[in-house]
Amino acid sequence: MGPPMAAGPRSKRRSPLARLIRYRLHIPMIRSGHPPEHTARGVMMGLIWAFVPLFGLQMGGVLLSWTIGSRMIGWRFALIPAVAFTWVTNILTIVPVYYVYYITGQLMLGHWNDIAGYDAFAALFASTAPSDAGFFEAVWAWIETLLTYWGVPIVLGSLPWTIIIAAGGYRLSLNFVRAYRRRRAERMARRAGNTAEQRGEEASEP
């Protein structure tokens, strides 16, 4: 039998994105000194601003809501989770999200036979951006044109999705934080019980 292998570095290292999520989002959520509802409200506000059709203004909207809520009306929420969850919609997801809004809005308006295909969105994106525009300029030009032609169904279709997703995010994050804190309290109680038992045994020894 050969010699035991020396303990090496961890075979699985977290990526920079995973570390960012862990230390800037996950840990602040579970270790906050505020009630679980404070964190859940932050998640809810982040998702609200993520899914309203105001791409590019989400983080500013969160900061404005936080300032008004905390300074003026006494309604507070966790700022870090709120800002983090605005990134659910980003340059990779905004096109399919807006397309879902468009279809939903057209159905709500009763325009069953007037629904453009997904390829039309891609074609619109390609045709609205100037040839020398950067990526973000192209995205802004596409959104401006999109809202000009299809603004009503997109805004209308965003409402049910925003409400459902934000409410679901609030409930899930509230349950998650409560469950984590309950498990942590149980672990601490067990450790305290084991420590007290150990000390009792040591004191009873002759």
N, C-alpha and C. Protein backbone atom coordinates (compact mmCIF):
# COMPACT_ATOMS: atom_id res chain seq x y z
N MET A 1 0.85 -1.20 0.00
CA MET A 1 0.00 0.00 0.00
C MET A 1 0.88 1.24 0.00
N GLY A 2 0.67 2.14 -0.92
CA GLY A 2 1.53 3.31 -1.07
C GLY A 2 1.29 4.32 0.03
N PRO A 3 2.17 5.30 0.10
CA PRO A 3 2.02 6.35 1.11
C PRO A 3 0.78 7.17 0.84
N PRO A 4 0.19 7.70 1.87
CA PRO A 4 -1.01 8.52 1.69
C PRO A 4 -0.70 9.76 0.87
N MET A 5 -1.65 10.14 0.07
CA MET A 5 -1.45 11.30 -0.77
C MET A 5 -1.55 12.57 0.07
N ALA A 6 -0.68 13.50 -0.22
CA ALA A 6 -0.70 14.76 0.52
C ALA A 6 -1.91 15.57 0.11
N ALA A 7 -2.45 16.25 1.07
CA ALA A 7 -3.62 17.08 0.78
C ALA A 7 -3.22 18.23 -0.12
N GLY A 8 -3.80 18.30 -1.24
CA GLY A 8 -3.49 19.36 -2.20
C GLY A 8 -4.54 20.44 -2.16
N PRO A 9 -4.41 21.38 -3.08
CA PRO A 9 -5.42 22.44 -3.14
C PRO A 9 -6.77 21.87 -3.53
N ARG A 10 -7.77 22.57 -3.21
CA ARG A 10 -9.12 22.09 -3.52
C ARG A 10 -9.25 21.90 -5.01
N SER A 11 -9.83 20.75 -5.39
CA SER A 11 -9.96 20.44 -6.80
C SER A 11 -10.98 21.33 -7.48
N LYS A 12 -11.95 21.79 -6.71
CA LYS A 12 -12.98 22.64 -7.28
C LYS A 12 -12.85 24.04 -6.70
N ARG A 13 -12.53 24.97 -7.55
CA ARG A 13 -12.42 26.35 -7.12
C ARG A 13 -13.60 27.13 -7.67
N ARG A 14 -14.10 28.02 -6.85
CA ARG A 14 -15.23 28.82 -7.30
C ARG A 14 -14.77 29.83 -8.34
N SER A 15 -15.60 30.04 -9.32
CA SER A 15 -15.32 31.04 -10.33
C SER A 15 -15.50 32.42 -9.73
N PRO A 16 -14.93 33.46 -10.37
CA PRO A 16 -15.14 34.82 -9.85
C PRO A 16 -16.61 35.18 -9.71
N LEU A 17 -17.44 34.74 -10.66
CA LEU A 17 -18.87 35.03 -10.57
C LEU A 17 -19.50 34.33 -9.37
N ALA A 18 -19.11 33.06 -9.14
CA ALA A 18 -19.65 32.32 -8.00
C ALA A 18 -19.23 32.97 -6.68
N ARG A 19 -17.98 33.43 -6.61
CA ARG A 19 -17.52 34.10 -5.39
C ARG A 19 -18.27 35.41 -5.18
N LEU A 20 -18.50 36.13 -6.29
CA LEU A 20 -19.23 37.39 -6.19
C LEU A 20 -20.64 37.15 -5.67
N ILE A 21 -21.32 36.14 -6.21
CA ILE A 21 -22.68 35.82 -5.77
C ILE A 21 -22.69 35.40 -4.31
N ARG A 22 -21.69 34.60 -3.93
CA ARG A 22 -21.65 34.10 -2.55
C ARG A 22 -21.42 35.24 -1.56
N TYR A 23 -20.42 36.08 -1.80
CA TYR A 23 -20.03 37.07 -0.80
C TYR A 23 -20.82 38.37 -0.88
N ARG A 24 -21.39 38.66 -2.05
CA ARG A 24 -22.13 39.91 -2.19
C ARG A 24 -23.65 39.73 -2.14
N LEU A 25 -24.11 38.49 -2.31
CA LEU A 25 -25.55 38.26 -2.34
C LEU A 25 -25.98 37.22 -1.32
N HIS A 26 -25.41 36.01 -1.41
CA HIS A 26 -25.86 34.91 -0.56
C HIS A 26 -25.59 35.19 0.92
N ILE A 27 -24.34 35.53 1.25
CA ILE A 27 -24.00 35.75 2.66
C ILE A 27 -24.73 36.96 3.25
N PRO A 28 -24.79 38.12 2.54
CA PRO A 28 -25.59 39.22 3.11
C PRO A 28 -27.05 38.85 3.33
N MET A 29 -27.61 37.98 2.48
CA MET A 29 -29.01 37.59 2.66
C MET A 29 -29.21 36.79 3.93
N ILE A 30 -28.33 35.81 4.17
CA ILE A 30 -28.58 34.88 5.27
C ILE A 30 -28.04 35.39 6.61
N ARG A 31 -27.09 36.33 6.58
CA ARG A 31 -26.47 36.79 7.82
C ARG A 31 -26.90 38.19 8.21
N SER A 32 -27.87 38.73 7.53
CA SER A 32 -28.33 40.07 7.87
C SER A 32 -28.90 40.09 9.29
N GLY A 33 -28.65 41.19 9.99
CA GLY A 33 -29.20 41.34 11.33
C GLY A 33 -30.65 41.79 11.33
N HIS A 34 -31.18 42.07 10.16
CA HIS A 34 -32.58 42.51 10.05
C HIS A 34 -33.51 41.31 10.02
N PRO A 35 -34.80 41.52 10.21
CA PRO A 35 -35.77 40.42 10.09
C PRO A 35 -35.75 39.85 8.67
N PRO A 36 -36.17 38.60 8.50
CA PRO A 36 -36.20 38.01 7.15
C PRO A 36 -37.02 38.81 6.16
N GLU A 37 -38.06 39.47 6.64
CA GLU A 37 -38.90 40.27 5.74
C GLU A 37 -38.11 41.41 5.09
N HIS A 38 -37.11 41.92 5.78
CA HIS A 38 -36.28 43.00 5.24
C HIS A 38 -35.52 42.53 4.00
N THR A 39 -34.94 41.34 4.08
CA THR A 39 -34.25 40.76 2.93
C THR A 39 -35.23 40.43 1.81
N ALA A 40 -36.37 39.83 2.18
CA ALA A 40 -37.36 39.44 1.17
C ALA A 40 -37.89 40.66 0.42
N ARG A 41 -38.07 41.76 1.13
CA ARG A 41 -38.51 42.98 0.45
C ARG A 41 -37.45 43.47 -0.54
N GLY A 42 -36.18 43.31 -0.18
CA GLY A 42 -35.11 43.68 -1.10
C GLY A 42 -35.14 42.85 -2.37
N VAL A 43 -35.32 41.54 -2.22
CA VAL A 43 -35.42 40.67 -3.39
C VAL A 43 -36.62 41.07 -4.24
N MET A 44 -37.74 41.34 -3.59
CA MET A 44 -38.95 41.73 -4.32
C MET A 44 -38.73 43.02 -5.11
N MET A 45 -38.13 44.02 -4.48
CA MET A 45 -37.91 45.29 -5.17
C MET A 45 -36.94 45.13 -6.32
N GLY A 46 -35.90 44.31 -6.13
CA GLY A 46 -34.97 44.06 -7.22
C GLY A 46 -35.64 43.41 -8.41
N LEU A 47 -36.53 42.45 -8.15
CA LEU A 47 -37.24 41.77 -9.23
C LEU A 47 -38.26 42.68 -9.90
N ILE A 48 -38.89 43.55 -9.12
CA ILE A 48 -39.83 44.50 -9.73
C ILE A 48 -39.10 45.37 -10.75
N TRP A 49 -37.97 45.94 -10.33
CA TRP A 49 -37.23 46.81 -11.24
C TRP A 49 -36.55 46.03 -12.35
N ALA A 50 -36.25 44.77 -12.11
CA ALA A 50 -35.65 43.95 -13.17
C ALA A 50 -36.63 43.70 -14.30
N PHE A 51 -37.91 43.54 -13.97
CA PHE A 51 -38.87 43.11 -14.98
C PHE A 51 -39.80 44.21 -15.48
N VAL A 52 -39.72 45.42 -14.95
CA VAL A 52 -40.43 46.51 -15.61
C VAL A 52 -39.66 46.86 -16.88
N PRO A 53 -40.35 47.23 -17.96
CA PRO A 53 -39.65 47.47 -19.24
C PRO A 53 -38.91 48.81 -19.26
N LEU A 54 -37.91 48.93 -18.39
CA LEU A 54 -37.06 50.12 -18.33
C LEU A 54 -35.61 49.68 -18.30
N PHE A 55 -35.22 48.91 -19.29
CA PHE A 55 -33.88 48.33 -19.31
C PHE A 55 -32.83 49.44 -19.27
N GLY A 56 -31.84 49.27 -18.39
CA GLY A 56 -30.78 50.25 -18.22
C GLY A 56 -31.00 51.18 -17.06
N LEU A 57 -32.22 51.22 -16.54
CA LEU A 57 -32.54 52.13 -15.44
C LEU A 57 -32.85 51.38 -14.15
N GLN A 58 -32.62 50.06 -14.14
CA GLN A 58 -33.07 49.25 -13.00
C GLN A 58 -32.37 49.63 -11.70
N MET A 59 -31.04 49.72 -11.73
CA MET A 59 -30.32 50.00 -10.49
C MET A 59 -30.63 51.40 -9.98
N GLY A 60 -30.76 52.35 -10.91
CA GLY A 60 -31.17 53.70 -10.49
C GLY A 60 -32.55 53.69 -9.87
N GLY A 61 -33.45 52.88 -10.42
CA GLY A 61 -34.79 52.77 -9.85
C GLY A 61 -34.77 52.18 -8.45
N VAL A 62 -33.91 51.17 -8.23
CA VAL A 62 -33.78 50.58 -6.90
C VAL A 62 -33.26 51.61 -5.90
N LEU A 63 -32.23 52.35 -6.30
CA LEU A 63 -31.67 53.36 -5.39
C LEU A 63 -32.69 54.44 -5.07
N LEU A 64 -33.46 54.85 -6.07
CA LEU A 64 -34.50 55.85 -5.82
C LEU A 64 -35.57 55.30 -4.88
N SER A 65 -35.99 54.05 -5.10
CA SER A 65 -36.99 53.43 -4.23
C SER A 65 -36.48 53.29 -2.81
N TRP A 66 -35.21 52.90 -2.68
CA TRP A 66 -34.62 52.74 -1.35
C TRP A 66 -34.55 54.07 -0.62
N THR A 67 -34.16 55.13 -1.34
CA THR A 67 -34.06 56.45 -0.73
C THR A 67 -35.43 56.94 -0.27
N ILE A 68 -36.42 56.83 -1.15
CA ILE A 68 -37.77 57.27 -0.80
C ILE A 68 -38.35 56.42 0.33
N GLY A 69 -38.17 55.09 0.21
CA GLY A 69 -38.75 54.20 1.21
C GLY A 69 -38.14 54.37 2.58
N SER A 70 -36.81 54.46 2.64
CA SER A 70 -36.14 54.51 3.94
C SER A 70 -36.12 55.90 4.55
N ARG A 71 -36.04 56.93 3.72
CA ARG A 71 -35.89 58.29 4.25
C ARG A 71 -37.22 59.02 4.43
N MET A 72 -38.22 58.66 3.63
CA MET A 72 -39.45 59.46 3.61
C MET A 72 -40.66 58.75 4.21
N ILE A 73 -40.80 57.46 3.94
CA ILE A 73 -42.02 56.79 4.41
C ILE A 73 -41.73 55.66 5.40
N GLY A 74 -40.46 55.45 5.74
CA GLY A 74 -40.12 54.45 6.74
C GLY A 74 -40.32 53.02 6.30
N TRP A 75 -40.29 52.76 5.00
CA TRP A 75 -40.44 51.40 4.47
C TRP A 75 -39.08 50.97 3.95
N ARG A 76 -38.43 50.07 4.67
CA ARG A 76 -37.05 49.73 4.36
C ARG A 76 -36.94 48.34 3.75
N PHE A 77 -35.92 48.16 2.94
CA PHE A 77 -35.61 46.85 2.37
C PHE A 77 -34.11 46.74 2.19
N ALA A 78 -33.63 45.52 2.01
CA ALA A 78 -32.19 45.27 1.88
C ALA A 78 -31.72 45.74 0.51
N LEU A 79 -30.77 46.66 0.51
CA LEU A 79 -30.34 47.28 -0.74
C LEU A 79 -29.49 46.34 -1.60
N ILE A 80 -28.57 45.60 -0.99
CA ILE A 80 -27.66 44.76 -1.78
C ILE A 80 -28.41 43.68 -2.56
N PRO A 81 -29.29 42.88 -1.94
CA PRO A 81 -30.06 41.93 -2.75
C PRO A 81 -30.92 42.61 -3.81
N ALA A 82 -31.45 43.78 -3.50
CA ALA A 82 -32.28 44.48 -4.47
C ALA A 82 -31.48 44.84 -5.72
N VAL A 83 -30.30 45.40 -5.52
CA VAL A 83 -29.45 45.76 -6.67
C VAL A 83 -29.03 44.51 -7.42
N ALA A 84 -28.66 43.46 -6.69
CA ALA A 84 -28.19 42.23 -7.34
C ALA A 84 -29.26 41.60 -8.21
N PHE A 85 -30.49 41.58 -7.74
CA PHE A 85 -31.55 40.90 -8.48
C PHE A 85 -32.02 41.68 -9.70
N THR A 86 -31.61 42.94 -9.83
CA THR A 86 -31.94 43.65 -11.07
C THR A 86 -31.21 43.05 -12.26
N TRP A 87 -30.13 42.32 -12.00
CA TRP A 87 -29.33 41.74 -13.09
C TRP A 87 -29.93 40.45 -13.62
N VAL A 88 -31.10 40.06 -13.12
CA VAL A 88 -31.80 38.92 -13.72
C VAL A 88 -32.11 39.21 -15.18
N THR A 89 -32.48 40.46 -15.46
CA THR A 89 -32.62 40.88 -16.85
C THR A 89 -31.35 41.63 -17.24
N ASN A 90 -30.75 41.22 -18.32
CA ASN A 90 -29.47 41.78 -18.76
C ASN A 90 -29.41 41.71 -20.28
N ILE A 91 -28.26 42.01 -20.83
CA ILE A 91 -28.13 42.06 -22.29
C ILE A 91 -28.34 40.70 -22.94
N LEU A 92 -28.25 39.63 -22.16
CA LEU A 92 -28.46 38.29 -22.70
C LEU A 92 -29.91 37.85 -22.62
N THR A 93 -30.64 38.38 -21.67
CA THR A 93 -32.02 37.90 -21.44
C THR A 93 -33.09 38.90 -21.86
N ILE A 94 -32.70 40.14 -22.17
CA ILE A 94 -33.71 41.18 -22.37
C ILE A 94 -34.57 40.92 -23.60
N VAL A 95 -33.99 40.38 -24.67
CA VAL A 95 -34.77 40.16 -25.89
C VAL A 95 -35.87 39.11 -25.66
N PRO A 96 -35.55 37.91 -25.14
CA PRO A 96 -36.63 36.95 -24.89
C PRO A 96 -37.64 37.43 -23.86
N VAL A 97 -37.19 38.17 -22.85
CA VAL A 97 -38.13 38.69 -21.85
C VAL A 97 -39.11 39.66 -22.49
N TYR A 98 -38.60 40.58 -23.28
CA TYR A 98 -39.49 41.54 -23.94
C TYR A 98 -40.42 40.85 -24.93
N TYR A 99 -39.94 39.79 -25.55
CA TYR A 99 -40.81 39.08 -26.49
C TYR A 99 -41.97 38.40 -25.77
N VAL A 100 -41.69 37.84 -24.60
CA VAL A 100 -42.77 37.25 -23.78
C VAL A 100 -43.77 38.34 -23.39
N TYR A 101 -43.25 39.51 -23.01
CA TYR A 101 -44.15 40.63 -22.69
C TYR A 101 -45.03 40.96 -23.89
N TYR A 102 -44.42 41.03 -25.06
CA TYR A 102 -45.15 41.40 -26.28
C TYR A 102 -46.27 40.41 -26.56
N ILE A 103 -45.97 39.11 -26.51
CA ILE A 103 -47.00 38.10 -26.76
C ILE A 103 -48.12 38.20 -25.72
N THR A 104 -47.72 38.32 -24.44
CA THR A 104 -48.72 38.43 -23.38
C THR A 104 -49.62 39.64 -23.58
N GLY A 105 -49.01 40.77 -23.91
CA GLY A 105 -49.79 41.98 -24.13
C GLY A 105 -50.73 41.87 -25.31
N GLN A 106 -50.27 41.27 -26.39
CA GLN A 106 -51.14 41.09 -27.56
C GLN A 106 -52.33 40.19 -27.22
N LEU A 107 -52.09 39.15 -26.45
CA LEU A 107 -53.18 38.26 -26.05
C LEU A 107 -54.16 38.99 -25.12
N MET A 108 -53.62 39.81 -24.22
CA MET A 108 -54.49 40.56 -23.31
C MET A 108 -55.34 41.58 -24.06
N LEU A 109 -54.80 42.10 -25.16
CA LEU A 109 -55.53 43.07 -25.97
C LEU A 109 -56.48 42.41 -26.95
N GLY A 110 -56.42 41.08 -27.04
CA GLY A 110 -57.28 40.36 -27.96
C GLY A 110 -56.76 40.29 -29.38
N HIS A 111 -55.48 40.63 -29.57
CA HIS A 111 -54.88 40.61 -30.91
C HIS A 111 -54.29 39.23 -31.18
N TRP A 112 -55.14 38.24 -31.24
CA TRP A 112 -54.68 36.86 -31.37
C TRP A 112 -53.97 36.60 -32.70
N ASN A 113 -54.40 37.29 -33.73
CA ASN A 113 -53.86 37.04 -35.07
C ASN A 113 -52.83 38.09 -35.49
N ASP A 114 -52.36 38.87 -34.52
CA ASP A 114 -51.41 39.94 -34.84
C ASP A 114 -50.19 39.82 -33.94
N ILE A 115 -49.54 38.68 -33.99
CA ILE A 115 -48.37 38.43 -33.16
C ILE A 115 -47.17 38.16 -34.06
N ALA A 116 -46.17 39.01 -33.96
CA ALA A 116 -44.97 38.84 -34.76
C ALA A 116 -44.13 37.69 -34.21
N GLY A 117 -43.37 37.07 -35.06
CA GLY A 117 -42.50 35.99 -34.62
C GLY A 117 -41.24 36.51 -33.94
N TYR A 118 -40.54 35.59 -33.27
CA TYR A 118 -39.33 35.99 -32.55
C TYR A 118 -38.27 36.53 -33.50
N ASP A 119 -38.23 36.00 -34.71
CA ASP A 119 -37.23 36.46 -35.68
C ASP A 119 -37.41 37.93 -36.00
N ALA A 120 -38.64 38.42 -35.91
CA ALA A 120 -38.88 39.84 -36.17
C ALA A 120 -38.17 40.71 -35.15
N PHE A 121 -38.08 40.23 -33.91
CA PHE A 121 -37.36 41.00 -32.89
C PHE A 121 -35.88 41.09 -33.23
N ALA A 122 -35.31 39.97 -33.67
CA ALA A 122 -33.89 39.97 -34.03
C ALA A 122 -33.65 40.85 -35.25
N ALA A 123 -34.57 40.79 -36.22
CA ALA A 123 -34.43 41.62 -37.41
C ALA A 123 -34.55 43.10 -37.05
N LEU A 124 -35.47 43.41 -36.11
CA LEU A 124 -35.64 44.79 -35.68
C LEU A 124 -34.38 45.29 -34.99
N PHE A 125 -33.77 44.44 -34.19
CA PHE A 125 -32.53 44.82 -33.50
C PHE A 125 -31.43 45.12 -34.51
N ALA A 126 -31.33 44.29 -35.54
CA ALA A 126 -30.28 44.47 -36.53
C ALA A 126 -30.51 45.70 -37.39
N SER A 127 -31.77 46.04 -37.63
CA SER A 127 -32.08 47.14 -38.55
C SER A 127 -32.10 48.51 -37.89
N THR A 128 -32.27 48.56 -36.56
CA THR A 128 -32.40 49.86 -35.91
C THR A 128 -31.08 50.45 -35.48
N ALA A 129 -30.07 49.62 -35.28
CA ALA A 129 -28.79 50.12 -34.77
C ALA A 129 -27.94 50.66 -35.91
N PRO A 130 -27.33 51.83 -35.76
CA PRO A 130 -26.39 52.31 -36.77
C PRO A 130 -25.22 51.36 -36.91
N SER A 131 -24.63 51.34 -38.08
CA SER A 131 -23.55 50.39 -38.35
C SER A 131 -22.34 50.63 -37.48
N ASP A 132 -22.11 51.87 -37.05
CA ASP A 132 -20.94 52.18 -36.24
C ASP A 132 -21.27 52.25 -34.75
N ALA A 133 -22.47 51.83 -34.36
CA ALA A 133 -22.88 51.91 -32.95
C ALA A 133 -22.25 50.78 -32.15
N GLY A 134 -21.95 51.08 -30.89
CA GLY A 134 -21.50 50.04 -29.99
C GLY A 134 -22.66 49.17 -29.55
N PHE A 135 -22.34 48.14 -28.76
CA PHE A 135 -23.38 47.19 -28.39
C PHE A 135 -24.48 47.85 -27.57
N PHE A 136 -24.11 48.63 -26.56
CA PHE A 136 -25.12 49.24 -25.70
C PHE A 136 -25.93 50.29 -26.46
N GLU A 137 -25.28 51.01 -27.37
CA GLU A 137 -26.03 51.96 -28.20
C GLU A 137 -27.04 51.22 -29.07
N ALA A 138 -26.62 50.06 -29.58
CA ALA A 138 -27.53 49.25 -30.40
C ALA A 138 -28.72 48.76 -29.58
N VAL A 139 -28.47 48.34 -28.34
CA VAL A 139 -29.56 47.89 -27.46
C VAL A 139 -30.54 49.03 -27.20
N TRP A 140 -30.02 50.21 -26.90
CA TRP A 140 -30.89 51.35 -26.64
C TRP A 140 -31.72 51.70 -27.87
N ALA A 141 -31.08 51.69 -29.05
CA ALA A 141 -31.82 52.00 -30.28
C ALA A 141 -32.92 50.97 -30.53
N TRP A 142 -32.61 49.70 -30.25
CA TRP A 142 -33.61 48.65 -30.45
C TRP A 142 -34.78 48.82 -29.50
N ILE A 143 -34.50 49.11 -28.23
CA ILE A 143 -35.57 49.27 -27.24
C ILE A 143 -36.43 50.48 -27.58
N GLU A 144 -35.79 51.57 -28.00
CA GLU A 144 -36.55 52.77 -28.37
C GLU A 144 -37.51 52.47 -29.51
N THR A 145 -37.00 51.79 -30.54
CA THR A 145 -37.86 51.44 -31.67
C THR A 145 -38.94 50.45 -31.25
N LEU A 146 -38.55 49.49 -30.41
CA LEU A 146 -39.49 48.47 -29.96
C LEU A 146 -40.67 49.09 -29.22
N LEU A 147 -40.36 50.01 -28.30
CA LEU A 147 -41.43 50.64 -27.52
C LEU A 147 -42.25 51.60 -28.37
N THR A 148 -41.62 52.17 -29.40
CA THR A 148 -42.36 53.07 -30.29
C THR A 148 -43.46 52.31 -31.04
N TYR A 149 -43.11 51.14 -31.56
CA TYR A 149 -44.06 50.38 -32.38
C TYR A 149 -44.93 49.43 -31.55
N TRP A 150 -44.36 48.83 -30.51
CA TRP A 150 -45.07 47.80 -29.74
C TRP A 150 -45.11 48.13 -28.26
N GLY A 151 -45.06 49.42 -27.93
CA GLY A 151 -44.96 49.81 -26.52
C GLY A 151 -46.14 49.40 -25.68
N VAL A 152 -47.36 49.56 -26.22
CA VAL A 152 -48.56 49.25 -25.43
C VAL A 152 -48.62 47.77 -25.06
N PRO A 153 -48.49 46.82 -25.99
CA PRO A 153 -48.52 45.42 -25.58
C PRO A 153 -47.36 45.02 -24.68
N ILE A 154 -46.18 45.62 -24.88
CA ILE A 154 -45.04 45.27 -24.04
C ILE A 154 -45.27 45.74 -22.61
N VAL A 155 -45.68 46.99 -22.45
CA VAL A 155 -45.93 47.51 -21.09
C VAL A 155 -47.07 46.75 -20.43
N LEU A 156 -48.15 46.53 -21.16
CA LEU A 156 -49.28 45.80 -20.60
C LEU A 156 -48.90 44.36 -20.26
N GLY A 157 -48.18 43.71 -21.15
CA GLY A 157 -47.78 42.32 -20.91
C GLY A 157 -46.78 42.15 -19.80
N SER A 158 -46.05 43.23 -19.48
CA SER A 158 -45.06 43.13 -18.39
C SER A 158 -45.72 43.09 -17.02
N LEU A 159 -46.93 43.63 -16.90
CA LEU A 159 -47.56 43.78 -15.58
C LEU A 159 -47.80 42.44 -14.88
N PRO A 160 -48.48 41.46 -15.51
CA PRO A 160 -48.71 40.21 -14.78
C PRO A 160 -47.42 39.47 -14.46
N TRP A 161 -46.45 39.50 -15.39
CA TRP A 161 -45.19 38.80 -15.13
C TRP A 161 -44.42 39.45 -13.99
N THR A 162 -44.38 40.77 -13.97
CA THR A 162 -43.67 41.47 -12.90
C THR A 162 -44.30 41.18 -11.55
N ILE A 163 -45.63 41.21 -11.48
CA ILE A 163 -46.32 40.95 -10.21
C ILE A 163 -46.08 39.52 -9.75
N ILE A 164 -46.23 38.56 -10.65
CA ILE A 164 -46.07 37.15 -10.28
C ILE A 164 -44.64 36.85 -9.85
N ILE A 165 -43.67 37.32 -10.63
CA ILE A 165 -42.26 37.03 -10.32
C ILE A 165 -41.83 37.71 -9.03
N ALA A 166 -42.23 38.97 -8.84
CA ALA A 166 -41.84 39.68 -7.62
C ALA A 166 -42.48 39.05 -6.39
N ALA A 167 -43.76 38.68 -6.48
CA ALA A 167 -44.42 38.03 -5.34
C ALA A 167 -43.80 36.67 -5.05
N GLY A 168 -43.50 35.92 -6.10
CA GLY A 168 -42.85 34.63 -5.90
C GLY A 168 -41.46 34.77 -5.31
N GLY A 169 -40.71 35.78 -5.77
CA GLY A 169 -39.38 36.02 -5.22
C GLY A 169 -39.43 36.39 -3.75
N TYR A 170 -40.43 37.19 -3.38
CA TYR A 170 -40.59 37.56 -1.97
C TYR A 170 -40.85 36.33 -1.12
N ARG A 171 -41.77 35.49 -1.55
CA ARG A 171 -42.14 34.31 -0.76
C ARG A 171 -40.99 33.32 -0.67
N LEU A 172 -40.32 33.05 -1.78
CA LEU A 172 -39.22 32.08 -1.79
C LEU A 172 -38.05 32.56 -0.94
N SER A 173 -37.68 33.83 -1.08
CA SER A 173 -36.55 34.34 -0.30
C SER A 173 -36.90 34.41 1.18
N LEU A 174 -38.15 34.75 1.50
CA LEU A 174 -38.57 34.78 2.90
C LEU A 174 -38.48 33.39 3.52
N ASN A 175 -38.98 32.38 2.81
CA ASN A 175 -38.90 31.01 3.31
C ASN A 175 -37.46 30.54 3.43
N PHE A 176 -36.62 30.93 2.46
CA PHE A 176 -35.22 30.51 2.47
C PHE A 176 -34.49 31.08 3.68
N VAL A 177 -34.64 32.38 3.92
CA VAL A 177 -33.94 33.02 5.04
C VAL A 177 -34.47 32.48 6.36
N ARG A 178 -35.77 32.31 6.48
CA ARG A 178 -36.33 31.76 7.72
C ARG A 178 -35.82 30.35 7.98
N ALA A 179 -35.78 29.51 6.94
CA ALA A 179 -35.31 28.14 7.11
C ALA A 179 -33.85 28.12 7.50
N TYR A 180 -33.03 28.97 6.89
CA TYR A 180 -31.61 29.02 7.22
C TYR A 180 -31.41 29.44 8.68
N ARG A 181 -32.11 30.47 9.09
CA ARG A 181 -31.94 30.95 10.47
C ARG A 181 -32.46 29.93 11.47
N ARG A 182 -33.51 29.21 11.12
CA ARG A 182 -34.01 28.17 12.02
C ARG A 182 -32.98 27.05 12.17
N ARG A 183 -32.38 26.63 11.05
CA ARG A 183 -31.36 25.58 11.13
C ARG A 183 -30.14 26.06 11.90
N ARG A 184 -29.76 27.32 11.70
CA ARG A 184 -28.61 27.85 12.43
C ARG A 184 -28.89 27.91 13.92
N ALA A 185 -30.11 28.32 14.30
CA ALA A 185 -30.46 28.36 15.72
C ALA A 185 -30.46 26.97 16.33
N GLU A 186 -30.93 25.97 15.57
CA GLU A 186 -30.91 24.59 16.07
C GLU A 186 -29.49 24.10 16.25
N ARG A 187 -28.60 24.41 15.30
CA ARG A 187 -27.20 24.00 15.43
C ARG A 187 -26.56 24.65 16.65
N MET A 188 -26.81 25.93 16.84
CA MET A 188 -26.23 26.63 17.99
C MET A 188 -26.77 26.07 19.29
N ALA A 189 -28.05 25.70 19.32
CA ALA A 189 -28.63 25.12 20.53
C ALA A 189 -28.00 23.76 20.83
N ARG A 190 -27.78 22.96 19.78
CA ARG A 190 -27.13 21.66 19.99
C ARG A 190 -25.71 21.83 20.50
N ARG A 191 -24.98 22.79 19.93
CA ARG A 191 -23.61 23.02 20.38
C ARG A 191 -23.58 23.49 21.83
N ALA A 192 -24.52 24.39 22.17
CA ALA A 192 -24.57 24.86 23.55
C ALA A 192 -24.91 23.71 24.50
N GLY A 193 -25.83 22.83 24.08
CA GLY A 193 -26.17 21.68 24.91
C GLY A 193 -25.01 20.73 25.08
N ASN A 194 -24.27 20.49 23.99
CA ASN A 194 -23.12 19.60 24.07
C ASN A 194 -22.04 20.18 24.96
N THR A 195 -21.83 21.51 24.86
CA THR A 195 -20.82 22.16 25.69
C THR A 195 -21.20 22.08 27.16
N ALA A 196 -22.47 22.33 27.47
CA ALA A 196 -22.92 22.26 28.87
C ALA A 196 -22.80 20.84 29.40
N GLU A 197 -23.12 19.86 28.57
CA GLU A 197 -23.01 18.47 28.99
C GLU A 197 -21.56 18.10 29.25
N GLN A 198 -20.67 18.59 28.38
CA GLN A 198 -19.25 18.30 28.54
C GLN A 198 -18.72 18.89 29.84
N ARG A 199 -19.12 20.13 30.10
CA ARG A 199 -18.65 20.78 31.33
C ARG A 199 -19.21 20.08 32.57
N GLY A 200 -20.45 19.60 32.47
CA GLY A 200 -21.03 18.88 33.60
C GLY A 200 -20.28 17.59 33.88
N GLU A 201 -19.89 16.89 32.82
CA GLU A 201 -19.13 15.65 33.00
C GLU A 201 -17.76 15.94 33.61
N GLU A 202 -17.13 17.03 33.15
CA GLU A 202 -15.81 17.37 33.70
C GLU A 202 -15.92 17.75 35.17
N ALA A 203 -17.00 18.46 35.53
CA ALA A 203 -17.16 18.88 36.92
C ALA A 203 -17.47 17.70 37.84
N SER A 204 -18.09 16.65 37.30
CA SER A 204 -18.45 15.51 38.13
C SER A 204 -17.30 14.53 38.32
N GLU A 205 -16.24 14.71 37.54
CA GLU A 205 -15.11 13.79 37.69
C GLU A 205 -14.40 14.07 39.00
N PRO A 206 -13.97 12.99 39.70
CA PRO A 206 -13.29 13.20 41.01
C PRO A 206 -11.91 13.83 40.81
